[in-house]
All heavy atoms as atom14 arrays in JSON, in Angstrom:
{
  "sequence": "FLTVSNIAGFQTLRMFELWFQQKLLDDKVSL",
  "atom14_mask": [
    [1, 1, 1, 1, 1, 1, 1, 1, 1, 1, 1, 0, 0, 0],
    [1, 1, 1, 1, 1, 1, 1, 1, 0, 0, 0, 0, 0, 0],
    [1, 1, 1, 1, 1, 1, 1, 0, 0, 0, 0, 0, 0, 0],
    [1, 1, 1, 1, 1, 1, 1, 0, 0, 0, 0, 0, 0, 0],
    [1, 1, 1, 1, 1, 1, 0, 0, 0, 0, 0, 0, 0, 0],
    [1, 1, 1, 1, 1, 1, 1, 1, 0, 0, 0, 0, 0, 0],
    [1, 1, 1, 1, 1, 1, 1, 1, 0, 0, 0, 0, 0, 0],
    [1, 1, 1, 1, 1, 0, 0, 0, 0, 0, 0, 0, 0, 0],
    [1, 1, 1, 1, 0, 0, 0, 0, 0, 0, 0, 0, 0, 0],
    [1, 1, 1, 1, 1, 1, 1, 1, 1, 1, 1, 0, 0, 0],
    [1, 1, 1, 1, 1, 1, 1, 1, 1, 0, 0, 0, 0, 0],
    [1, 1, 1, 1, 1, 1, 1, 0, 0, 0, 0, 0, 0, 0],
    [1, 1, 1, 1, 1, 1, 1, 1, 0, 0, 0, 0, 0, 0],
    [1, 1, 1, 1, 1, 1, 1, 1, 1, 1, 1, 0, 0, 0],
    [1, 1, 1, 1, 1, 1, 1, 1, 0, 0, 0, 0, 0, 0],
    [1, 1, 1, 1, 1, 1, 1, 1, 1, 1, 1, 0, 0, 0],
    [1, 1, 1, 1, 1, 1, 1, 1, 1, 0, 0, 0, 0, 0],
    [1, 1, 1, 1, 1, 1, 1, 1, 0, 0, 0, 0, 0, 0],
    [1, 1, 1, 1, 1, 1, 1, 1, 1, 1, 1, 1, 1, 1],
    [1, 1, 1, 1, 1, 1, 1, 1, 1, 1, 1, 0, 0, 0],
    [1, 1, 1, 1, 1, 1, 1, 1, 1, 0, 0, 0, 0, 0],
    [1, 1, 1, 1, 1, 1, 1, 1, 1, 0, 0, 0, 0, 0],
    [1, 1, 1, 1, 1, 1, 1, 1, 1, 0, 0, 0, 0, 0],
    [1, 1, 1, 1, 1, 1, 1, 1, 0, 0, 0, 0, 0, 0],
    [1, 1, 1, 1, 1, 1, 1, 1, 0, 0, 0, 0, 0, 0],
    [1, 1, 1, 1, 1, 1, 1, 1, 0, 0, 0, 0, 0, 0],
    [1, 1, 1, 1, 1, 1, 1, 1, 0, 0, 0, 0, 0, 0],
    [1, 1, 1, 1, 1, 1, 1, 1, 1, 0, 0, 0, 0, 0],
    [1, 1, 1, 1, 1, 1, 1, 0, 0, 0, 0, 0, 0, 0],
    [1, 1, 1, 1, 1, 1, 0, 0, 0, 0, 0, 0, 0, 0],
    [1, 1, 1, 1, 1, 1, 1, 1, 0, 0, 0, 0, 0, 0]
  ],
  "atom14_positions": [
    [[-7.79, -10.3, -19.38], [-7.94, -9.8, -17.97], [-6.81, -10.1, -17.04], [-6.71, -9.58, -15.97], [-9.33, -10.19, -17.33], [-9.48, -11.69, -17.21], [-8.98, -12.47, -16.07], [-10.17, -12.44, -18.2], [-9.18, -13.73, -15.95], [-10.38, -13.8, -18.04], [-9.81, -14.47, -16.89], [0.0, 0.0, 0.0], [0.0, 0.0, 0.0], [0.0, 0.0, 0.0]],
    [[-5.94, -11.03, -17.4], [-4.71, -11.19, -16.74], [-3.65, -10.19, -17.27], [-2.91, -10.42, -18.16], [-4.09, -12.64, -16.9], [-5.05, -13.76, -16.42], [-4.49, -15.14, -16.75], [-5.33, -13.67, -14.93], [0.0, 0.0, 0.0], [0.0, 0.0, 0.0], [0.0, 0.0, 0.0], [0.0, 0.0, 0.0], [0.0, 0.0, 0.0], [0.0, 0.0, 0.0]],
    [[-3.83, -8.98, -16.84], [-3.22, -7.82, -17.37], [-1.67, -7.97, -17.49], [-0.96, -8.25, -16.64], [-3.51, -6.5, -16.56], [-4.98, -6.55, -16.3], [-3.13, -5.23, -17.24], [0.0, 0.0, 0.0], [0.0, 0.0, 0.0], [0.0, 0.0, 0.0], [0.0, 0.0, 0.0], [0.0, 0.0, 0.0], [0.0, 0.0, 0.0], [0.0, 0.0, 0.0]],
    [[-1.24, -7.65, -18.73], [0.2, -7.83, -19.09], [1.14, -7.02, -18.1], [2.17, -7.51, -17.65], [0.4, -7.4, -20.58], [1.98, -7.3, -20.81], [-0.21, -8.38, -21.46], [0.0, 0.0, 0.0], [0.0, 0.0, 0.0], [0.0, 0.0, 0.0], [0.0, 0.0, 0.0], [0.0, 0.0, 0.0], [0.0, 0.0, 0.0], [0.0, 0.0, 0.0]],
    [[0.79, -5.78, -17.88], [1.58, -4.89, -17.06], [0.96, -4.64, -15.62], [-0.15, -4.3, -15.58], [1.84, -3.56, -17.77], [2.43, -2.59, -16.84], [0.0, 0.0, 0.0], [0.0, 0.0, 0.0], [0.0, 0.0, 0.0], [0.0, 0.0, 0.0], [0.0, 0.0, 0.0], [0.0, 0.0, 0.0], [0.0, 0.0, 0.0], [0.0, 0.0, 0.0]],
    [[1.8, -4.8, -14.62], [1.28, -4.6, -13.22], [1.44, -3.07, -12.8], [1.11, -2.76, -11.58], [1.97, -5.43, -12.28], [3.54, -5.26, -12.18], [4.07, -4.28, -12.77], [4.18, -6.19, -11.63], [0.0, 0.0, 0.0], [0.0, 0.0, 0.0], [0.0, 0.0, 0.0], [0.0, 0.0, 0.0], [0.0, 0.0, 0.0], [0.0, 0.0, 0.0]],
    [[1.8, -2.21, -13.74], [1.82, -0.74, -13.4], [0.79, 0.02, -14.26], [0.56, 1.26, -14.05], [3.15, -0.1, -13.54], [3.6, -0.04, -15.05], [4.23, -0.8, -12.78], [4.87, 0.72, -15.28], [0.0, 0.0, 0.0], [0.0, 0.0, 0.0], [0.0, 0.0, 0.0], [0.0, 0.0, 0.0], [0.0, 0.0, 0.0], [0.0, 0.0, 0.0]],
    [[0.09, -0.66, -15.23], [-0.77, 0.12, -16.05], [-2.08, 0.43, -15.37], [-2.51, -0.18, -14.42], [-1.29, -0.89, -17.25], [0.0, 0.0, 0.0], [0.0, 0.0, 0.0], [0.0, 0.0, 0.0], [0.0, 0.0, 0.0], [0.0, 0.0, 0.0], [0.0, 0.0, 0.0], [0.0, 0.0, 0.0], [0.0, 0.0, 0.0], [0.0, 0.0, 0.0]],
    [[-2.66, 1.58, -15.71], [-3.82, 2.11, -15.07], [-4.19, 3.46, -15.64], [-3.62, 3.9, -16.52], [0.0, 0.0, 0.0], [0.0, 0.0, 0.0], [0.0, 0.0, 0.0], [0.0, 0.0, 0.0], [0.0, 0.0, 0.0], [0.0, 0.0, 0.0], [0.0, 0.0, 0.0], [0.0, 0.0, 0.0], [0.0, 0.0, 0.0], [0.0, 0.0, 0.0]],
    [[-5.29, 4.02, -15.05], [-5.82, 5.31, -15.53], [-4.87, 6.37, -15.31], [-4.26, 6.48, -14.27], [-7.11, 5.52, -14.74], [-7.78, 6.83, -15.21], [-8.59, 6.91, -16.39], [-7.77, 8.0, -14.56], [-9.18, 8.04, -16.84], [-8.34, 9.14, -14.79], [-9.07, 9.14, -16.03], [0.0, 0.0, 0.0], [0.0, 0.0, 0.0], [0.0, 0.0, 0.0]],
    [[-4.63, 7.23, -16.32], [-3.62, 8.24, -16.2], [-4.08, 9.37, -15.28], [-4.96, 10.09, -15.5], [-3.44, 8.87, -17.6], [-2.89, 7.86, -18.6], [-2.66, 8.56, -19.9], [-2.22, 9.7, -20.08], [-2.87, 7.82, -21.05], [0.0, 0.0, 0.0], [0.0, 0.0, 0.0], [0.0, 0.0, 0.0], [0.0, 0.0, 0.0], [0.0, 0.0, 0.0]],
    [[-3.37, 9.51, -14.15], [-3.59, 10.51, -13.18], [-2.54, 10.52, -12.11], [-1.65, 9.69, -11.99], [-4.96, 10.17, -12.43], [-5.37, 11.22, -11.58], [-4.85, 8.94, -11.61], [0.0, 0.0, 0.0], [0.0, 0.0, 0.0], [0.0, 0.0, 0.0], [0.0, 0.0, 0.0], [0.0, 0.0, 0.0], [0.0, 0.0, 0.0], [0.0, 0.0, 0.0]],
    [[-2.6, 11.57, -11.17], [-1.81, 11.58, -10.06], [-2.68, 11.22, -8.86], [-3.64, 11.86, -8.61], [-1.17, 13.05, -9.84], [-0.46, 13.28, -8.57], [0.81, 12.39, -8.46], [-0.09, 14.79, -8.4], [0.0, 0.0, 0.0], [0.0, 0.0, 0.0], [0.0, 0.0, 0.0], [0.0, 0.0, 0.0], [0.0, 0.0, 0.0], [0.0, 0.0, 0.0]],
    [[-2.3, 10.17, -8.15], [-3.24, 9.62, -7.08], [-2.47, 9.29, -5.79], [-1.36, 8.76, -5.93], [-3.91, 8.41, -7.68], [-4.78, 7.73, -6.69], [-5.41, 6.41, -7.13], [-6.31, 6.61, -8.2], [-6.22, 6.15, -9.41], [-5.16, 5.53, -9.79], [-7.15, 6.43, -10.36], [0.0, 0.0, 0.0], [0.0, 0.0, 0.0], [0.0, 0.0, 0.0]],
    [[-3.03, 9.53, -4.74], [-2.54, 9.09, -3.43], [-2.88, 7.6, -3.33], [-4.05, 7.29, -3.27], [-2.98, 9.88, -2.28], [-2.39, 9.46, -0.93], [-3.12, 10.31, 0.48], [-4.75, 9.48, 0.63], [0.0, 0.0, 0.0], [0.0, 0.0, 0.0], [0.0, 0.0, 0.0], [0.0, 0.0, 0.0], [0.0, 0.0, 0.0], [0.0, 0.0, 0.0]],
    [[-1.91, 6.82, -3.14], [-2.08, 5.31, -2.88], [-2.27, 4.99, -1.44], [-3.21, 4.33, -1.02], [-1.01, 4.6, -3.54], [-1.16, 3.04, -3.37], [-2.35, 2.43, -3.58], [-0.02, 2.32, -3.01], [-2.52, 1.01, -3.47], [-0.13, 0.93, -2.88], [-1.3, 0.33, -3.12], [0.0, 0.0, 0.0], [0.0, 0.0, 0.0], [0.0, 0.0, 0.0]],
    [[-1.28, 5.43, -0.58], [-1.33, 5.06, 0.85], [-1.05, 6.31, 1.64], [-0.26, 7.16, 1.32], [-0.32, 4.02, 1.14], [-0.64, 2.64, 0.62], [0.33, 1.54, 1.16], [1.52, 1.72, 1.01], [-0.21, 0.57, 1.76], [0.0, 0.0, 0.0], [0.0, 0.0, 0.0], [0.0, 0.0, 0.0], [0.0, 0.0, 0.0], [0.0, 0.0, 0.0]],
    [[-1.67, 6.36, 2.85], [-1.39, 7.4, 3.87], [-1.79, 6.71, 5.2], [-3.0, 6.77, 5.5], [-2.12, 8.63, 3.62], [-1.98, 9.76, 4.7], [-0.48, 10.14, 4.92], [-2.79, 10.97, 4.32], [0.0, 0.0, 0.0], [0.0, 0.0, 0.0], [0.0, 0.0, 0.0], [0.0, 0.0, 0.0], [0.0, 0.0, 0.0], [0.0, 0.0, 0.0]],
    [[-0.83, 6.2, 5.89], [-1.19, 5.47, 7.18], [-0.26, 5.8, 8.33], [0.91, 6.25, 8.19], [-1.28, 4.05, 6.91], [-0.2, 3.3, 6.19], [-0.19, 2.85, 4.9], [1.12, 2.94, 6.73], [1.0, 2.24, 4.62], [1.75, 2.33, 5.73], [1.75, 3.14, 7.93], [3.09, 1.8, 5.86], [3.01, 2.69, 8.08], [3.74, 1.97, 7.06]],
    [[-0.81, 5.45, 9.57], [0.03, 5.54, 10.73], [0.18, 4.14, 11.31], [-0.8, 3.32, 11.26], [-0.74, 6.45, 11.76], [-0.2, 6.32, 13.16], [0.97, 6.96, 13.58], [-0.82, 5.47, 14.1], [1.45, 6.79, 14.85], [-0.32, 5.26, 15.38], [0.81, 5.94, 15.79], [0.0, 0.0, 0.0], [0.0, 0.0, 0.0], [0.0, 0.0, 0.0]],
    [[1.33, 3.8, 11.85], [1.58, 2.48, 12.44], [2.19, 2.59, 13.76], [3.06, 3.44, 13.98], [2.46, 1.66, 11.46], [2.83, 0.33, 12.04], [3.64, -0.5, 11.0], [3.03, -1.34, 10.19], [4.94, -0.47, 10.96], [0.0, 0.0, 0.0], [0.0, 0.0, 0.0], [0.0, 0.0, 0.0], [0.0, 0.0, 0.0], [0.0, 0.0, 0.0]],
    [[1.66, 1.74, 14.6], [2.36, 1.63, 16.0], [2.67, 0.17, 16.25], [1.85, -0.72, 16.15], [1.28, 2.14, 17.07], [1.79, 2.0, 18.47], [2.88, 2.83, 18.79], [2.8, 4.07, 18.76], [4.15, 2.3, 19.11], [0.0, 0.0, 0.0], [0.0, 0.0, 0.0], [0.0, 0.0, 0.0], [0.0, 0.0, 0.0], [0.0, 0.0, 0.0]],
    [[3.84, -0.08, 16.6], [4.3, -1.41, 17.05], [4.44, -1.43, 18.53], [4.82, -0.51, 19.18], [5.66, -1.78, 16.35], [5.59, -1.85, 14.86], [6.95, -2.29, 14.26], [6.86, -2.37, 12.72], [8.14, -2.77, 12.14], [0.0, 0.0, 0.0], [0.0, 0.0, 0.0], [0.0, 0.0, 0.0], [0.0, 0.0, 0.0], [0.0, 0.0, 0.0]],
    [[4.2, -2.69, 19.11], [4.15, -2.95, 20.5], [4.83, -4.14, 20.87], [5.03, -5.14, 19.96], [2.69, -2.96, 21.1], [1.87, -1.65, 20.79], [0.44, -2.05, 21.07], [2.35, -0.47, 21.61], [0.0, 0.0, 0.0], [0.0, 0.0, 0.0], [0.0, 0.0, 0.0], [0.0, 0.0, 0.0], [0.0, 0.0, 0.0], [0.0, 0.0, 0.0]],
    [[5.25, -4.36, 22.1], [5.83, -5.61, 22.64], [6.92, -6.13, 21.74], [6.98, -7.27, 21.29], [4.73, -6.67, 22.77], [3.51, -6.26, 23.58], [2.44, -7.39, 23.52], [3.93, -5.97, 25.03], [0.0, 0.0, 0.0], [0.0, 0.0, 0.0], [0.0, 0.0, 0.0], [0.0, 0.0, 0.0], [0.0, 0.0, 0.0], [0.0, 0.0, 0.0]],
    [[7.92, -5.27, 21.5], [9.15, -5.68, 20.77], [8.76, -6.21, 19.38], [9.15, -7.32, 18.87], [9.99, -6.74, 21.46], [10.6, -6.15, 22.75], [10.89, -4.94, 22.79], [10.76, -6.94, 23.68], [0.0, 0.0, 0.0], [0.0, 0.0, 0.0], [0.0, 0.0, 0.0], [0.0, 0.0, 0.0], [0.0, 0.0, 0.0], [0.0, 0.0, 0.0]],
    [[7.89, -5.48, 18.69], [7.38, -5.76, 17.29], [6.55, -7.07, 17.24], [6.27, -7.53, 16.1], [8.59, -5.85, 16.42], [9.35, -4.56, 16.24], [8.78, -3.52, 16.7], [10.43, -4.59, 15.66], [0.0, 0.0, 0.0], [0.0, 0.0, 0.0], [0.0, 0.0, 0.0], [0.0, 0.0, 0.0], [0.0, 0.0, 0.0], [0.0, 0.0, 0.0]],
    [[6.06, -7.53, 18.38], [5.18, -8.73, 18.27], [3.82, -8.32, 17.88], [2.96, -9.2, 17.42], [5.22, -9.43, 19.63], [6.58, -10.06, 20.02], [6.5, -10.94, 21.21], [7.87, -11.38, 21.59], [8.48, -12.26, 20.56], [0.0, 0.0, 0.0], [0.0, 0.0, 0.0], [0.0, 0.0, 0.0], [0.0, 0.0, 0.0], [0.0, 0.0, 0.0]],
    [[3.42, -7.13, 18.07], [2.12, -6.6, 17.62], [2.24, -5.31, 16.82], [3.1, -4.42, 17.16], [1.17, -6.29, 18.92], [-0.12, -5.71, 18.47], [1.11, -7.5, 19.73], [0.0, 0.0, 0.0], [0.0, 0.0, 0.0], [0.0, 0.0, 0.0], [0.0, 0.0, 0.0], [0.0, 0.0, 0.0], [0.0, 0.0, 0.0], [0.0, 0.0, 0.0]],
    [[1.49, -5.27, 15.75], [1.54, -4.02, 14.85], [0.17, -3.63, 14.5], [-0.61, -4.47, 13.97], [2.41, -4.4, 13.66], [2.31, -3.34, 12.61], [0.0, 0.0, 0.0], [0.0, 0.0, 0.0], [0.0, 0.0, 0.0], [0.0, 0.0, 0.0], [0.0, 0.0, 0.0], [0.0, 0.0, 0.0], [0.0, 0.0, 0.0], [0.0, 0.0, 0.0]],
    [[-0.12, -2.4, 14.69], [-1.43, -1.85, 14.28], [-1.26, -0.75, 13.29], [-0.4, 0.2, 13.47], [-2.19, -1.32, 15.47], [-3.48, -0.69, 15.25], [-4.55, -1.8, 14.83], [-4.13, 0.06, 16.51], [0.0, 0.0, 0.0], [0.0, 0.0, 0.0], [0.0, 0.0, 0.0], [0.0, 0.0, 0.0], [0.0, 0.0, 0.0], [0.0, 0.0, 0.0]]
  ]
}
C-alpha cells in the first residue's frame, strides 16, 4: 500500500484542478 509509483492510477482522462484565486494585502492573504 506504500505505492511504488506516485503517478499510477486508473486509466482515464480526468480534470484534477479548476480554481480561482484572489490575493490581498500584498500577498499576505490568499483565498
